PDB file of N, CA and C in Angstrom:
ATOM      1  N   MET A   1       2.770   2.986 -14.553  1.00  0.00           N
ATOM      2  CA  MET A   1       3.776   4.012 -14.596  1.00  0.00           C
ATOM      3  C   MET A   1       4.734   3.677 -15.729  1.00  0.00           C
ATOM      4  N   HIS A   2       5.153   4.693 -16.430  1.00  0.00           N
ATOM      5  CA  HIS A   2       6.087   4.505 -17.531  1.00  0.00           C
ATOM      6  C   HIS A   2       7.341   5.326 -17.282  1.00  0.00           C
ATOM      7  N   PHE A   3       8.454   4.815 -17.760  1.00  0.00           N
ATOM      8  CA  PHE A   3       9.721   5.515 -17.652  1.00  0.00           C
ATOM      9  C   PHE A   3      10.002   6.214 -18.979  1.00  0.00           C
ATOM     10  N   ALA A   4      10.932   7.151 -18.977  1.00  0.00           N
ATOM     11  CA  ALA A   4      11.193   8.003 -20.133  1.00  0.00           C
ATOM     12  C   ALA A   4      11.444   7.195 -21.400  1.00  0.00           C
ATOM     13  N   ASP A   5      12.183   6.096 -21.313  1.00  0.00           N
ATOM     14  CA  ASP A   5      12.489   5.311 -22.508  1.00  0.00           C
ATOM     15  C   ASP A   5      11.315   4.472 -23.007  1.00  0.00           C
ATOM     16  N   GLU A   6      10.223   4.425 -22.248  1.00  0.00           N
ATOM     17  CA  GLU A   6       9.051   3.648 -22.640  1.00  0.00           C
ATOM     18  C   GLU A   6       7.952   4.512 -23.253  1.00  0.00           C
ATOM     19  N   LEU A   7       8.098   5.825 -23.226  1.00  0.00           N
ATOM     20  CA  LEU A   7       7.064   6.727 -23.734  1.00  0.00           C
ATOM     21  C   LEU A   7       7.142   6.824 -25.252  1.00  0.00           C
ATOM     22  N   ILE A   8       5.969   6.954 -25.885  1.00  0.00           N
ATOM     23  CA  ILE A   8       5.938   7.111 -27.333  1.00  0.00           C
ATOM     24  C   ILE A   8       5.342   8.465 -27.673  1.00  0.00           C
ATOM     25  N   ASP A   9       5.532   8.876 -28.903  1.00  0.00           N
ATOM     26  CA  ASP A   9       5.004  10.148 -29.382  1.00  0.00           C
ATOM     27  C   ASP A   9       3.482  10.047 -29.481  1.00  0.00           C
ATOM     28  N   THR A  10       2.770  11.071 -29.038  1.00  0.00           N
ATOM     29  CA  THR A  10       1.307  11.043 -29.050  1.00  0.00           C
ATOM     30  C   THR A  10       0.743  11.016 -30.467  1.00  0.00           C
ATOM     31  N   GLU A  11       1.512  11.435 -31.450  1.00  0.00           N
ATOM     32  CA  GLU A  11       1.058  11.399 -32.840  1.00  0.00           C
ATOM     33  C   GLU A  11       0.883   9.962 -33.326  1.00  0.00           C
ATOM     34  N   LYS A  12       1.555   9.012 -32.686  1.00  0.00           N
ATOM     35  CA  LYS A  12       1.484   7.617 -33.112  1.00  0.00           C
ATOM     36  C   LYS A  12       0.284   6.888 -32.520  1.00  0.00           C
ATOM     37  N   LEU A  13      -0.448   7.542 -31.620  1.00  0.00           N
ATOM     38  CA  LEU A  13      -1.618   6.924 -31.010  1.00  0.00           C
ATOM     39  C   LEU A  13      -2.785   6.909 -31.984  1.00  0.00           C
ATOM     40  N   ARG A  14      -3.533   5.828 -32.011  1.00  0.00           N
ATOM     41  CA  ARG A  14      -4.726   5.741 -32.853  1.00  0.00           C
ATOM     42  C   ARG A  14      -5.945   5.983 -31.966  1.00  0.00           C
ATOM     43  N   LEU A  15      -6.440   7.193 -31.978  1.00  0.00           N
ATOM     44  CA  LEU A  15      -7.581   7.559 -31.149  1.00  0.00           C
ATOM     45  C   LEU A  15      -8.844   7.631 -32.004  1.00  0.00           C
ATOM     46  N   PRO A  16     -10.004   7.352 -31.418  1.00  0.00           N
ATOM     47  CA  PRO A  16     -11.253   7.494 -32.184  1.00  0.00           C
ATOM     48  C   PRO A  16     -11.429   8.936 -32.636  1.00  0.00           C
ATOM     49  N   LYS A  17     -11.974   9.128 -33.849  1.00  0.00           N
ATOM     50  CA  LYS A  17     -12.103  10.478 -34.399  1.00  0.00           C
ATOM     51  C   LYS A  17     -13.226  11.271 -33.751  1.00  0.00           C
ATOM     52  N   LYS A  18     -14.346  10.629 -33.434  1.00  0.00           N
ATOM     53  CA  LYS A  18     -15.483  11.372 -32.913  1.00  0.00           C
ATOM     54  C   LYS A  18     -16.045  10.672 -31.681  1.00  0.00           C
ATOM     55  N   LEU A  19     -16.216  11.423 -30.608  1.00  0.00           N
ATOM     56  CA  LEU A  19     -16.791  10.888 -29.376  1.00  0.00           C
ATOM     57  C   LEU A  19     -17.953  11.761 -28.949  1.00  0.00           C
ATOM     58  N   GLU A  20     -18.987  11.146 -28.435  1.00  0.00           N
ATOM     59  CA  GLU A  20     -20.122  11.885 -27.900  1.00  0.00           C
ATOM     60  C   GLU A  20     -20.067  11.775 -26.377  1.00  0.00           C
ATOM     61  N   VAL A  21     -19.825  12.890 -25.708  1.00  0.00           N
ATOM     62  CA  VAL A  21     -19.738  12.911 -24.254  1.00  0.00           C
ATOM     63  C   VAL A  21     -20.706  13.966 -23.738  1.00  0.00           C
ATOM     64  N   GLY A  22     -21.432  13.611 -22.680  1.00  0.00           N
ATOM     65  CA  GLY A  22     -22.378  14.548 -22.093  1.00  0.00           C
ATOM     66  C   GLY A  22     -21.664  15.690 -21.378  1.00  0.00           C
ATOM     67  N   LYS A  23     -22.362  16.815 -21.222  1.00  0.00           N
ATOM     68  CA  LYS A  23     -21.770  18.004 -20.582  1.00  0.00           C
ATOM     69  C   LYS A  23     -21.389  17.731 -19.129  1.00  0.00           C
ATOM     70  N   ARG A  24     -22.258  17.031 -18.403  1.00  0.00           N
ATOM     71  CA  ARG A  24     -21.974  16.739 -16.989  1.00  0.00           C
ATOM     72  C   ARG A  24     -20.754  15.837 -16.848  1.00  0.00           C
ATOM     73  N   GLU A  25     -20.686  14.803 -17.683  1.00  0.00           N
ATOM     74  CA  GLU A  25     -19.556  13.872 -17.630  1.00  0.00           C
ATOM     75  C   GLU A  25     -18.251  14.597 -17.935  1.00  0.00           C
ATOM     76  N   LEU A  26     -18.317  15.480 -18.937  1.00  0.00           N
ATOM     77  CA  LEU A  26     -17.125  16.223 -19.327  1.00  0.00           C
ATOM     78  C   LEU A  26     -16.669  17.168 -18.216  1.00  0.00           C
ATOM     79  N   SER A  27     -17.599  17.862 -17.579  1.00  0.00           N
ATOM     80  CA  SER A  27     -17.222  18.792 -16.508  1.00  0.00           C
ATOM     81  C   SER A  27     -16.669  18.046 -15.290  1.00  0.00           C
ATOM     82  N   VAL A  28     -17.261  16.899 -14.962  1.00  0.00           N
ATOM     83  CA  VAL A  28     -16.763  16.098 -13.837  1.00  0.00           C
ATOM     84  C   VAL A  28     -15.373  15.556 -14.145  1.00  0.00           C
ATOM     85  N   ALA A  29     -15.189  15.075 -15.375  1.00  0.00           N
ATOM     86  CA  ALA A  29     -13.883  14.537 -15.777  1.00  0.00           C
ATOM     87  C   ALA A  29     -12.811  15.626 -15.734  1.00  0.00           C
ATOM     88  N   LYS A  30     -13.133  16.810 -16.228  1.00  0.00           N
ATOM     89  CA  LYS A  30     -12.166  17.920 -16.208  1.00  0.00           C
ATOM     90  C   LYS A  30     -11.816  18.316 -14.779  1.00  0.00           C
ATOM     91  N   ALA A  31     -12.817  18.389 -13.913  1.00  0.00           N
ATOM     92  CA  ALA A  31     -12.569  18.750 -12.515  1.00  0.00           C
ATOM     93  C   ALA A  31     -11.679  17.720 -11.833  1.00  0.00           C
ATOM     94  N   LEU A  32     -11.949  16.443 -12.096  1.00  0.00           N
ATOM     95  CA  LEU A  32     -11.140  15.368 -11.507  1.00  0.00           C
ATOM     96  C   LEU A  32      -9.703  15.434 -12.010  1.00  0.00           C
ATOM     97  N   ILE A  33      -9.548  15.612 -13.302  1.00  0.00           N
ATOM     98  CA  ILE A  33      -8.207  15.677 -13.889  1.00  0.00           C
ATOM     99  C   ILE A  33      -7.450  16.890 -13.353  1.00  0.00           C
ATOM    100  N   ASP A  34      -8.110  18.039 -13.286  1.00  0.00           N
ATOM    101  CA  ASP A  34      -7.455  19.251 -12.780  1.00  0.00           C
ATOM    102  C   ASP A  34      -7.017  19.103 -11.331  1.00  0.00           C
ATOM    103  N   SER A  35      -7.840  18.431 -10.525  1.00  0.00           N
ATOM    104  CA  SER A  35      -7.516  18.286  -9.106  1.00  0.00           C
ATOM    105  C   SER A  35      -6.375  17.305  -8.867  1.00  0.00           C
ATOM    106  N   MET A  36      -6.154  16.378  -9.813  1.00  0.00           N
ATOM    107  CA  MET A  36      -5.130  15.356  -9.616  1.00  0.00           C
ATOM    108  C   MET A  36      -3.902  15.538 -10.512  1.00  0.00           C
ATOM    109  N   SER A  37      -3.878  16.595 -11.302  1.00  0.00           N
ATOM    110  CA  SER A  37      -2.798  16.777 -12.270  1.00  0.00           C
ATOM    111  C   SER A  37      -1.600  17.507 -11.695  1.00  0.00           C
ATOM    112  N   ALA A  38      -0.447  17.124 -12.201  1.00  0.00           N
ATOM    113  CA  ALA A  38       0.813  17.803 -11.886  1.00  0.00           C
ATOM    114  C   ALA A  38       1.722  17.618 -13.091  1.00  0.00           C
ATOM    115  N   LYS A  39       2.728  18.424 -13.202  1.00  0.00           N
ATOM    116  CA  LYS A  39       3.673  18.323 -14.316  1.00  0.00           C
ATOM    117  C   LYS A  39       4.429  17.006 -14.199  1.00  0.00           C
ATOM    118  N   TRP A  40       4.365  16.172 -15.231  1.00  0.00           N
ATOM    119  CA  TRP A  40       5.019  14.872 -15.227  1.00  0.00           C
ATOM    120  C   TRP A  40       6.452  15.014 -15.692  1.00  0.00           C
ATOM    121  N   LYS A  41       7.355  14.482 -14.907  1.00  0.00           N
ATOM    122  CA  LYS A  41       8.771  14.482 -15.256  1.00  0.00           C
ATOM    123  C   LYS A  41       9.256  13.037 -15.195  1.00  0.00           C
ATOM    124  N   ALA A  42       9.180  12.352 -16.338  1.00  0.00           N
ATOM    125  CA  ALA A  42       9.545  10.944 -16.389  1.00  0.00           C
ATOM    126  C   ALA A  42      11.022  10.734 -16.051  1.00  0.00           C
ATOM    127  N   GLU A  43      11.860  11.723 -16.346  1.00  0.00           N
ATOM    128  CA  GLU A  43      13.297  11.599 -16.074  1.00  0.00           C
ATOM    129  C   GLU A  43      13.584  11.495 -14.582  1.00  0.00           C
ATOM    130  N   LYS A  44      12.641  11.915 -13.781  1.00  0.00           N
ATOM    131  CA  LYS A  44      12.800  11.920 -12.331  1.00  0.00           C
ATOM    132  C   LYS A  44      12.759  10.505 -11.746  1.00  0.00           C
ATOM    133  N   TYR A  45      12.229   9.547 -12.511  1.00  0.00           N
ATOM    134  CA  TYR A  45      12.039   8.187 -12.019  1.00  0.00           C
ATOM    135  C   TYR A  45      12.949   7.219 -12.762  1.00  0.00           C
ATOM    136  N   ARG A  46      13.359   6.167 -12.073  1.00  0.00           N
ATOM    137  CA  ARG A  46      14.231   5.149 -12.657  1.00  0.00           C
ATOM    138  C   ARG A  46      13.570   3.791 -12.510  1.00  0.00           C
ATOM    139  N   ASP A  47      13.802   2.942 -13.482  1.00  0.00           N
ATOM    140  CA  ASP A  47      13.297   1.576 -13.434  1.00  0.00           C
ATOM    141  C   ASP A  47      14.390   0.702 -12.818  1.00  0.00           C
ATOM    142  N   ASP A  48      14.418   0.612 -11.495  1.00  0.00           N
ATOM    143  CA  ASP A  48      15.458  -0.131 -10.777  1.00  0.00           C
ATOM    144  C   ASP A  48      15.446  -1.613 -11.142  1.00  0.00           C
ATOM    145  N   TYR A  49      14.273  -2.163 -11.337  1.00  0.00           N
ATOM    146  CA  TYR A  49      14.171  -3.582 -11.666  1.00  0.00           C
ATOM    147  C   TYR A  49      14.845  -3.865 -13.006  1.00  0.00           C
ATOM    148  N   ARG A  50      14.526  -3.047 -13.992  1.00  0.00           N
ATOM    149  CA  ARG A  50      15.101  -3.242 -15.330  1.00  0.00           C
ATOM    150  C   ARG A  50      16.615  -3.100 -15.287  1.00  0.00           C
ATOM    151  N   GLU A  51      17.105  -2.093 -14.576  1.00  0.00           N
ATOM    152  CA  GLU A  51      18.549  -1.875 -14.472  1.00  0.00           C
ATOM    153  C   GLU A  51      19.244  -3.070 -13.823  1.00  0.00           C
ATOM    154  N   ALA A  52      18.652  -3.606 -12.762  1.00  0.00           N
ATOM    155  CA  ALA A  52      19.236  -4.763 -12.071  1.00  0.00           C
ATOM    156  C   ALA A  52      19.215  -5.994 -12.973  1.00  0.00           C
ATOM    157  N   LEU A  53      18.143  -6.168 -13.716  1.00  0.00           N
ATOM    158  CA  LEU A  53      18.042  -7.303 -14.625  1.00  0.00           C
ATOM    159  C   LEU A  53      19.091  -7.215 -15.730  1.00  0.00           C
ATOM    160  N   LEU A  54      19.261  -6.047 -16.307  1.00  0.00           N
ATOM    161  CA  LEU A  54      20.277  -5.865 -17.350  1.00  0.00           C
ATOM    162  C   LEU A  54      21.682  -6.125 -16.803  1.00  0.00           C
ATOM    163  N   LYS A  55      21.918  -5.727 -15.561  1.00  0.00           N
ATOM    164  CA  LYS A  55      23.218  -5.961 -14.938  1.00  0.00           C
ATOM    165  C   LYS A  55      23.488  -7.463 -14.795  1.00  0.00           C
ATOM    166  N   VAL A  56      22.483  -8.213 -14.369  1.00  0.00           N
ATOM    167  CA  VAL A  56      22.626  -9.669 -14.221  1.00  0.00           C
ATOM    168  C   VAL A  56      22.878 -10.306 -15.592  1.00  0.00           C
ATOM    169  N   ILE A  57      22.157  -9.847 -16.606  1.00  0.00           N
ATOM    170  CA  ILE A  57      22.338 -10.392 -17.953  1.00  0.00           C
ATOM    171  C   ILE A  57      23.762 -10.130 -18.442  1.00  0.00           C
ATOM    172  N   GLU A  58      24.245  -8.903 -18.226  1.00  0.00           N
ATOM    173  CA  GLU A  58      25.617  -8.566 -18.641  1.00  0.00           C
ATOM    174  C   GLU A  58      26.648  -9.422 -17.911  1.00  0.00           C
ATOM    175  N   GLU A  59      26.448  -9.679 -16.625  1.00  0.00           N
ATOM    176  CA  GLU A  59      27.376 -10.514 -15.856  1.00  0.00           C
ATOM    177  C   GLU A  59      27.395 -11.943 -16.395  1.00  0.00           C
ATOM    178  N   LYS A  60      26.217 -12.459 -16.774  1.00  0.00           N
ATOM    179  CA  LYS A  60      26.152 -13.818 -17.320  1.00  0.00           C
ATOM    180  C   LYS A  60      26.840 -13.890 -18.678  1.00  0.00           C
ATOM    181  N   VAL A  61      26.690 -12.864 -19.490  1.00  0.00           N
ATOM    182  CA  VAL A  61      27.352 -12.834 -20.794  1.00  0.00           C
ATOM    183  C   VAL A  61      28.864 -12.808 -20.600  1.00  0.00           C
ATOM    184  N   GLU A  62      29.347 -11.977 -19.681  1.00  0.00           N
ATOM    185  CA  GLU A  62      30.784 -11.872 -19.414  1.00  0.00           C
ATOM    186  C   GLU A  62      31.348 -13.182 -18.862  1.00  0.00           C
ATOM    187  N   ALA A  63      30.529 -13.937 -18.116  1.00  0.00           N
ATOM    188  CA  ALA A  63      30.979 -15.213 -17.549  1.00  0.00           C
ATOM    189  C   ALA A  63      30.987 -16.315 -18.602  1.00  0.00           C
ATOM    190  N   GLY A  64      30.535 -16.025 -19.804  1.00  0.00           N
ATOM    191  CA  GLY A  64      30.547 -16.997 -20.883  1.00  0.00           C
ATOM    192  C   GLY A  64      29.588 -18.148 -20.668  1.00  0.00           C
ATOM    193  N   GLY A  65      28.488 -17.905 -20.013  1.00  0.00           N
ATOM    194  CA  GLY A  65      27.494 -18.945 -19.802  1.00  0.00           C
ATOM    195  C   GLY A  65      27.747 -19.787 -18.563  1.00  0.00           C
ATOM    196  N   LYS A  66      28.877 -19.550 -17.900  1.00  0.00           N
ATOM    197  CA  LYS A  66      29.182 -20.305 -16.679  1.00  0.00           C
ATOM    198  C   LYS A  66      28.327 -19.771 -15.529  1.00  0.00           C
ATOM    199  N   GLU A  67      28.187 -20.594 -14.523  1.00  0.00           N
ATOM    200  CA  GLU A  67      27.414 -20.203 -13.333  1.00  0.00           C
ATOM    201  C   GLU A  67      28.131 -19.049 -12.633  1.00  0.00           C
ATOM    202  N   ILE A  68      27.399 -18.012 -12.269  1.00  0.00           N
ATOM    203  CA  ILE A  68      28.006 -16.888 -11.548  1.00  0.00           C
ATOM    204  C   ILE A  68      27.604 -16.972 -10.084  1.00  0.00           C
ATOM    205  N   GLU A  69      28.488 -16.477  -9.244  1.00  0.00           N
ATOM    206  CA  GLU A  69      28.209 -16.505  -7.806  1.00  0.00           C
ATOM    207  C   GLU A  69      27.163 -15.460  -7.457  1.00  0.00           C
ATOM    208  N   GLU A  70      26.282 -15.867  -6.585  1.00  0.00           N
ATOM    209  CA  GLU A  70      25.254 -14.937  -6.134  1.00  0.00           C
ATOM    210  C   GLU A  70      25.862 -14.013  -5.094  1.00  0.00           C
ATOM    211  N   LYS A  71      25.714 -12.726  -5.311  1.00  0.00           N
ATOM    212  CA  LYS A  71      26.261 -11.740  -4.378  1.00  0.00           C
ATOM    213  C   LYS A  71      25.333 -11.626  -3.172  1.00  0.00           C
ATOM    214  N   PRO A  72      25.923 -11.415  -1.992  1.00  0.00           N
ATOM    215  CA  PRO A  72      25.052 -11.238  -0.813  1.00  0.00           C
ATOM    216  C   PRO A  72      24.199  -9.979  -0.980  1.00  0.00           C
ATOM    217  N   LYS A  73      22.968 -10.117  -0.587  1.00  0.00           N
ATOM    218  CA  LYS A  73      22.037  -8.989  -0.707  1.00  0.00           C
ATOM    219  C   LYS A  73      22.293  -7.981   0.398  1.00  0.00           C
ATOM    220  N   LYS A  74      22.027  -6.735   0.084  1.00  0.00           N
ATOM    221  CA  LYS A  74      22.161  -5.681   1.093  1.00  0.00           C
ATOM    222  C   LYS A  74      21.047  -5.844   2.123  1.00  0.00           C
ATOM    223  N   ALA A  75      21.393  -5.551   3.365  1.00  0.00           N
ATOM    224  CA  ALA A  75      20.386  -5.625   4.423  1.00  0.00           C
ATOM    225  C   ALA A  75      19.319  -4.565   4.172  1.00  0.00           C
ATOM    226  N   ALA A  76      18.094  -4.925   4.433  1.00  0.00           N
ATOM    227  CA  ALA A  76      16.998  -3.987   4.238  1.00  0.00           C
ATOM    228  C   ALA A  76      17.119  -2.831   5.219  1.00  0.00           C
ATOM    229  N   LYS A  77      16.793  -1.657   4.739  1.00  0.00           N
ATOM    230  CA  LYS A  77      16.827  -0.484   5.606  1.00  0.00           C
ATOM    231  C   LYS A  77      15.726  -0.613   6.653  1.00  0.00           C
ATOM    232  N   PRO A  78      16.038  -0.247   7.889  1.00  0.00           N
ATOM    233  CA  PRO A  78      14.992  -0.325   8.912  1.00  0.00           C
ATOM    234  C   PRO A  78      13.865   0.658   8.593  1.00  0.00           C
ATOM    235  N   THR A  79      12.662   0.234   8.870  1.00  0.00           N
ATOM    236  CA  THR A  79      11.514   1.096   8.612  1.00  0.00           C
ATOM    237  C   THR A  79      11.057   1.754   9.908  1.00  0.00           C
ATOM    238  N   LYS A  80      10.181   2.703   9.770  1.00  0.00           N
ATOM    239  CA  LYS A  80       9.672   3.405  10.945  1.00  0.00           C
ATOM    240  C   LYS A  80       8.308   2.858  11.353  1.00  0.00           C
ATOM    241  N   VAL A  81       8.113   1.559  11.164  1.00  0.00           N
ATOM    242  CA  VAL A  81       6.862   0.919  11.539  1.00  0.00           C
ATOM    243  C   VAL A  81       6.860   0.714  13.050  1.00  0.00           C
ATOM    244  N   ILE A  82       5.787   1.102  13.669  1.00  0.00           N
ATOM    245  CA  ILE A  82       5.677   1.013  15.121  1.00  0.00           C
ATOM    246  C   ILE A  82       4.886  -0.236  15.487  1.00  0.00           C
ATOM    247  N   ASP A  83       5.408  -1.004  16.426  1.00  0.00           N
ATOM    248  CA  ASP A  83       4.705  -2.177  16.927  1.00  0.00           C
ATOM    249  C   ASP A  83       3.697  -1.689  17.968  1.00  0.00           C
ATOM    250  N   LEU A  84       2.445  -1.580  17.557  1.00  0.00           N
ATOM    251  CA  LEU A  84       1.413  -1.000  18.428  1.00  0.00           C
ATOM    252  C   LEU A  84       1.168  -1.826  19.677  1.00  0.00           C
ATOM    253  N   VAL A  85       1.237  -3.138  19.549  1.00  0.00           N
ATOM    254  CA  VAL A  85       1.008  -3.997  20.720  1.00  0.00           C
ATOM    255  C   VAL A  85       2.075  -3.724  21.769  1.00  0.00           C
ATOM    256  N   LYS A  86       3.322  -3.625  21.343  1.00  0.00           N
ATOM    257  CA  LYS A  86       4.425  -3.368  22.270  1.00  0.00           C
ATOM    258  C   LYS A  86       4.254  -2.006  22.941  1.00  0.00           C
ATOM    259  N   VAL A  87       3.891  -1.010  22.149  1.00  0.00           N
ATOM    260  CA  VAL A  87       3.700   0.340  22.696  1.00  0.00           C
ATOM    261  C   VAL A  87       2.559   0.359  23.702  1.00  0.00           C
ATOM    262  N   LEU A  88       1.465  -0.336  23.388  1.00  0.00           N
ATOM    263  CA  LEU A  88       0.333  -0.383  24.321  1.00  0.00           C
ATOM    264  C   LEU A  88       0.697  -1.105  25.611  1.00  0.00           C
ATOM    265  N   GLN A  89       1.474  -2.187  25.489  1.00  0.00           N
ATOM    266  CA  GLN A  89       1.905  -2.910  26.693  1.00  0.00           C
ATOM    267  C   GLN A  89       2.794  -2.020  27.556  1.00  0.00           C
ATOM    268  N   GLN A  90       3.707  -1.289  26.940  1.00  0.00           N
ATOM    269  CA  GLN A  90       4.571  -0.378  27.695  1.00  0.00           C
ATOM    270  C   GLN A  90       3.741   0.712  28.362  1.00  0.00           C
ATOM    271  N   SER A  91       2.753   1.205  27.650  1.00  0.00           N
ATOM    272  CA  SER A  91       1.899   2.247  28.202  1.00  0.00           C
ATOM    273  C   SER A  91       1.144   1.742  29.425  1.00  0.00           C
ATOM    274  N   LEU A  92       0.646   0.506  29.333  1.00  0.00           N
ATOM    275  CA  LEU A  92      -0.068  -0.068  30.472  1.00  0.00           C
ATOM    276  C   LEU A  92       0.863  -0.265  31.663  1.00  0.00           C
ATOM    277  N   GLU A  93       2.081  -0.713  31.402  1.00  0.00           N
ATOM    278  CA  GLU A  93       3.050  -0.913  32.483  1.00  0.00           C
ATOM    279  C   GLU A  93       3.402   0.410  33.154  1.00  0.00           C
ATOM    280  N   GLN A  94       3.569   1.452  32.355  1.00  0.00           N
ATOM    281  CA  GLN A  94       3.926   2.753  32.903  1.00  0.00           C
ATOM    282  C   GLN A  94       2.789   3.355  33.713  1.00  0.00           C
ATOM    283  N   SER A  95       1.558   3.137  33.262  1.00  0.00           N
ATOM    284  CA  SER A  95       0.423   3.733  33.967  1.00  0.00           C
ATOM    285  C   SER A  95       0.013   2.900  35.166  1.00  0.00           C
ATOM    286  N   GLY A  96       0.665   1.767  35.361  1.00  0.00           N
ATOM    287  CA  GLY A  96       0.328   0.918  36.500  1.00  0.00           C
ATOM    288  C   GLY A  96      -1.007   0.251  36.309  1.00  0.00           C
ATOM    289  N   GLY A  97      -1.345   0.005  35.061  1.00  0.00           N
ATOM    290  CA  GLY A  97      -2.633  -0.615  34.731  1.00  0.00           C
ATOM    291  C   GLY A  97      -2.787  -1.952  35.415  1.00  0.00           C
ATOM    292  N   LYS A  98      -3.900  -2.114  36.076  1.00  0.00           N
ATOM    293  CA  LYS A  98      -4.173  -3.374  36.758  1.00  0.00           C
ATOM    294  C   LYS A  98      -5.091  -4.192  35.880  1.00  0.00           C
ATOM    295  N   LYS A  99      -4.978  -5.492  36.026  1.00  0.00           N
ATOM    296  CA  LYS A  99      -5.875  -6.352  35.277  1.00  0.00           C
ATOM    297  C   LYS A  99      -7.277  -6.175  35.817  1.00  0.00           C
ATOM    298  N   LYS A 100      -8.199  -6.126  34.917  1.00  0.00           N
ATOM    299  CA  LYS A 100      -9.593  -5.959  35.298  1.00  0.00           C
ATOM    300  C   LYS A 100     -10.095  -7.265  35.897  1.00  0.00           C
ATOM    301  N   THR A 101     -10.657  -7.159  37.088  1.00  0.00           N
ATOM    302  CA  THR A 101     -11.170  -8.362  37.746  1.00  0.00           C
ATOM    303  C   THR A 101     -12.565  -8.643  37.212  1.00  0.00           C
ATOM    304  N   THR A 102     -12.880  -9.899  37.104  1.00  0.00           N
ATOM    305  CA  THR A 102     -14.193 -10.266  36.600  1.00  0.00           C
ATOM    306  C   THR A 102     -15.200 -10.240  37.740  1.00  0.00           C
ATOM    307  N   ARG A 103     -16.412  -9.856  37.410  1.00  0.00           N
ATOM    308  CA  ARG A 103     -17.474  -9.795  38.411  1.00  0.00           C
ATOM    309  C   ARG A 103     -18.072 -11.177  38.568  1.00  0.00           C
ATOM    310  N   LYS A 104     -18.344 -11.518  39.794  1.00  0.00           N
ATOM    311  CA  LYS A 104     -19.003 -12.795  40.052  1.00  0.00           C
ATOM    312  C   LYS A 104     -20.477 -12.633  39.727  1.00  0.00           C
ATOM    313  N   HIS A 105     -21.083 -13.729  39.350  1.00  0.00           N
ATOM    314  CA  HIS A 105     -22.497 -13.685  39.016  1.00  0.00           C
ATOM    315  C   HIS A 105     -23.301 -13.427  40.281  1.00  0.00           C
ATOM    316  N   ARG A 106     -24.064 -12.376  40.250  1.00  0.00           N
ATOM    317  CA  ARG A 106     -24.885 -12.039  41.412  1.00  0.00           C
ATOM    318  C   ARG A 106     -26.343 -12.312  41.099  1.00  0.00           C
ATOM    319  N   ALA A 107     -27.069 -12.643  42.132  1.00  0.00           N
ATOM    320  CA  ALA A 107     -28.511 -12.840  41.978  1.00  0.00           C
ATOM    321  C   ALA A 107     -29.164 -11.470  41.900  1.00  0.00           C
ATOM    322  N   PRO A 108     -30.187 -11.317  41.100  1.00  0.00           N
ATOM    323  CA  PRO A 108     -30.855 -10.016  40.999  1.00  0.00           C
ATOM    324  C   PRO A 108     -31.454  -9.618  42.346  1.00  0.00           C
ATOM    325  N   LYS A 109     -31.536  -8.292  42.614  1.00  0.00           N
ATOM    326  CA  LYS A 109     -32.062  -7.801  43.879  1.00  0.00           C
ATOM    327  C   LYS A 109     -33.528  -8.162  44.047  1.00  0.00           C
ATOM    328  N   HIS A 110     -34.267  -8.073  42.985  1.00  0.00           N
ATOM    329  CA  HIS A 110     -35.696  -8.375  43.034  1.00  0.00           C
ATOM    330  C   HIS A 110     -35.962  -9.582  42.147  1.00  0.00           C
ATOM    331  N   PRO A 111     -36.024 -10.748  42.759  1.00  0.00           N
ATOM    332  CA  PRO A 111     -36.278 -11.936  41.932  1.00  0.00           C
ATOM    333  C   PRO A 111     -37.651 -11.844  41.293  1.00  0.00           C
ATOM    334  N   GLN A 112     -37.754 -12.353  40.085  1.00  0.00           N
ATOM    335  CA  GLN A 112     -39.036 -12.316  39.391  1.00  0.00           C
ATOM    336  C   GLN A 112     -39.967 -13.347  40.008  1.00  0.00           C
ATOM    337  N   ARG A 113     -41.176 -12.918  40.243  1.00  0.00           N
ATOM    338  CA  ARG A 113     -42.158 -13.820  40.817  1.00  0.00           C
ATOM    339  C   ARG A 113     -42.992 -14.420  39.697  1.00  0.00           C
ATOM    340  N   HIS A 114     -43.182 -15.680  39.775  1.00  0.00           N
ATOM    341  CA  HIS A 114     -43.975 -16.355  38.754  1.00  0.00           C
ATOM    342  C   HIS A 114     -45.412 -16.441  39.227  1.00  0.00           C
ATOM    343  N   LYS A 115     -46.317 -16.144  38.328  1.00  0.00           N
ATOM    344  CA  LYS A 115     -47.742 -16.269  38.641  1.00  0.00           C
ATOM    345  C   LYS A 115     -48.160 -17.715  38.442  1.00  0.00           C
ATOM    346  N   LYS A 116     -49.033 -18.102  39.291  1.00  0.00           N
ATOM    347  CA  LYS A 116     -49.537 -19.469  39.175  1.00  0.00           C
ATOM    348  C   LYS A 116     -50.546 -19.552  38.039  1.00  0.00           C
ATOM    349  N   ALA A 117     -50.501 -20.631  37.347  1.00  0.00           N
ATOM    350  CA  ALA A 117     -51.459 -20.827  36.270  1.00  0.00           C
ATOM    351  C   ALA A 117     -52.822 -21.158  36.879  1.00  0.00           C
ATOM    352  N   ALA A 118     -53.899 -20.646  36.329  1.00  0.00           N
ATOM    353  CA  ALA A 118     -55.229 -20.860  36.891  1.00  0.00           C
ATOM    354  C   ALA A 118     -55.861 -22.106  36.395  1.00  0.00           C
TER     355      ALA A 118
END
């Protein structure tokens, strides 16, 4: 992904002058591009990392090379991630789910009879 200040003019690109592409490849490529294309608005996006880095650099310059205090970080915003194990346990408790009892080993109803060797 590129931000607005990182984009260059397409005239400055050095592209090959002649390419041989098959008709099928070209039609598949066009269909794929058309299905995934949207109007790009680079101004809509910001490079938060770069901005934060520049801010730290400016603070160090203003401090004259002295050590600057680290500011406390903002608490992370809570996410909407669901703990599935917890939800399943609650569901079992609400439904009155009983633990499944294990079956004892039973002898078969019709034991196999062995033939005597002759």
